[in-house]
């Protein structure tokens, strides 16, 4: 089983957008609803976008930023929880986590795209 699992995980960490599209198309094919398929793809791909950003940071800058990413995620979750609590007095952990997860998807998808472009430009500029 491990013969195919490691390369597949490596591919999806390297190309999380491919995983997003595959999950979206599969959920759309079997589920039919666009919104549910999109949210299913977001939920699965978020962890892979976070991992991809971590590895891109490690490759581009030559050191680990794991503690920084974890502190950022903790701060983001705290900010969303406090904002949710102030807006709606009733605190629902599931709703807060869902907001946190979707915000993480947006932030890390943009970070992934930005780091990917930065890495390509930096490598091309270094080889000129």
Protein backbone atom coordinates (compact mmCIF):
# COMPACT_ATOMS: atom_id res chain seq x y z
CA UNK A 1 0.00 0.00 0.00
CA UNK A 2 2.86 2.38 0.77
CA UNK A 3 4.22 2.02 -2.77
CA UNK A 4 1.59 4.36 -4.19
CA UNK A 5 0.66 6.42 -1.13
CA UNK A 6 3.92 8.35 -0.66
CA UNK A 7 4.24 9.51 -4.30
CA UNK A 8 0.56 10.50 -4.38
CA UNK A 9 0.86 12.53 -1.16
CA UNK A 10 4.04 14.17 -2.46
CA UNK A 11 2.25 15.11 -5.67
CA UNK A 12 -0.67 16.64 -3.83
CA UNK A 13 1.59 18.58 -1.46
CA UNK A 14 3.54 19.86 -4.45
CA UNK A 15 0.42 20.64 -6.49
CA UNK A 16 -2.49 21.24 -4.08
CA UNK A 17 -4.47 22.94 -6.84
CA UNK A 18 -4.56 19.61 -8.69
CA UNK A 19 -6.01 17.95 -5.59
CA UNK A 20 -8.55 20.75 -5.28
CA UNK A 21 -9.68 20.26 -8.87
CA UNK A 22 -9.83 16.47 -8.58
CA UNK A 23 -11.91 16.62 -5.39
CA UNK A 24 -14.19 19.27 -6.86
CA UNK A 25 -14.78 17.33 -10.07
CA UNK A 26 -15.31 14.06 -8.20
CA UNK A 27 -17.76 15.60 -5.75
CA UNK A 28 -19.52 17.37 -8.61
CA UNK A 29 -19.77 14.13 -10.54
CA UNK A 30 -21.16 12.11 -7.64
CA UNK A 31 -22.92 14.81 -5.62
CA UNK A 32 -24.16 17.17 -8.26
CA UNK A 33 -24.35 20.36 -6.19
CA UNK A 34 -21.75 22.99 -7.06
CA UNK A 35 -21.56 24.60 -3.62
CA UNK A 36 -21.23 21.30 -1.74
CA UNK A 37 -18.55 20.13 -4.18
CA UNK A 38 -16.64 23.38 -3.78
CA UNK A 39 -16.74 23.21 0.03
CA UNK A 40 -15.66 19.57 -0.01
CA UNK A 41 -12.68 20.50 -2.18
CA UNK A 42 -11.83 23.43 0.11
CA UNK A 43 -11.99 21.24 3.20
CA UNK A 44 -9.64 18.63 1.79
CA UNK A 45 -7.21 20.95 0.00
CA UNK A 46 -6.62 23.35 2.90
CA UNK A 47 -4.25 21.01 4.73
CA UNK A 48 -2.31 20.44 1.52
CA UNK A 49 -2.04 24.18 0.84
CA UNK A 50 -0.67 24.69 4.36
CA UNK A 51 1.87 21.91 3.83
CA UNK A 52 2.81 23.28 0.40
CA UNK A 53 3.42 26.77 1.84
CA UNK A 54 5.58 25.27 4.59
CA UNK A 55 7.74 23.37 2.11
CA UNK A 56 7.97 26.30 -0.29
CA UNK A 57 9.17 28.53 2.55
CA UNK A 58 11.70 25.88 3.58
CA UNK A 59 13.05 25.49 0.04
CA UNK A 60 13.09 29.18 -0.88
CA UNK A 61 14.58 30.54 2.33
CA UNK A 62 16.56 27.54 3.56
CA UNK A 63 15.08 27.21 7.04
CA UNK A 64 11.99 25.87 8.74
CA UNK A 65 9.10 28.17 9.48
CA UNK A 66 6.95 25.55 11.19
CA UNK A 67 6.71 27.40 14.51
CA UNK A 68 5.84 30.64 12.69
CA UNK A 69 3.11 28.92 10.68
CA UNK A 70 1.66 27.25 13.77
CA UNK A 71 1.66 30.55 15.67
CA UNK A 72 0.01 32.24 12.69
CA UNK A 73 -2.69 29.57 12.55
CA UNK A 74 -3.26 29.83 16.30
CA UNK A 75 -3.49 33.63 16.09
CA UNK A 76 -5.88 33.42 13.14
CA UNK A 77 -8.09 30.97 14.98
CA UNK A 78 -8.05 33.15 18.09
CA UNK A 79 -8.94 36.28 16.10
CA UNK A 80 -11.80 34.51 14.34
CA UNK A 81 -13.08 33.05 17.62
CA UNK A 82 -13.01 36.45 19.34
CA UNK A 83 -14.67 38.16 16.39
CA UNK A 84 -17.37 35.50 16.23
CA UNK A 85 -17.96 35.73 19.97
CA UNK A 86 -18.25 39.53 19.87
CA UNK A 87 -20.61 39.50 16.88
CA UNK A 88 -22.81 36.62 18.00
CA UNK A 89 -22.94 36.14 21.73
CA UNK A 90 -23.68 32.44 21.24
CA UNK A 91 -20.30 30.72 20.71
CA UNK A 92 -20.45 27.65 18.46
CA UNK A 93 -17.06 25.89 18.12
CA UNK A 94 -18.03 24.08 14.90
CA UNK A 95 -18.96 27.34 13.17
CA UNK A 96 -15.78 29.03 14.40
CA UNK A 97 -13.62 26.17 13.13
CA UNK A 98 -15.42 26.22 9.77
CA UNK A 99 -14.72 29.96 9.41
CA UNK A 100 -11.11 29.41 10.45
CA UNK A 101 -10.63 26.59 7.96
CA UNK A 102 -12.10 28.56 5.07
CA UNK A 103 -10.05 31.66 5.94
CA UNK A 104 -6.96 29.44 6.10
CA UNK A 105 -7.77 28.14 2.64
CA UNK A 106 -7.95 31.64 1.20
CA UNK A 107 -4.81 32.86 2.94
CA UNK A 108 -2.69 29.83 2.15
CA UNK A 109 -3.90 29.53 -1.45
CA UNK A 110 -2.77 33.12 -2.04
CA UNK A 111 0.48 32.52 -0.16
CA UNK A 112 1.09 29.40 -2.25
CA UNK A 113 0.53 31.29 -5.50
CA UNK A 114 2.71 34.19 -4.36
CA UNK A 115 5.55 31.97 -3.17
CA UNK A 116 5.37 29.93 -6.35
CA UNK A 117 5.72 33.07 -8.50
CA UNK A 118 8.45 34.44 -6.24
CA UNK A 119 10.36 31.17 -6.41
CA UNK A 120 10.19 31.02 -10.19
CA UNK A 121 11.27 34.65 -10.58
CA UNK A 122 14.10 34.21 -8.06
CA UNK A 123 15.40 31.07 -9.78
CA UNK A 124 15.26 32.63 -13.23
CA UNK A 125 16.94 35.81 -11.98
CA UNK A 126 19.67 33.78 -10.27
CA UNK A 127 20.45 31.94 -13.51
CA UNK A 128 20.79 35.05 -15.68
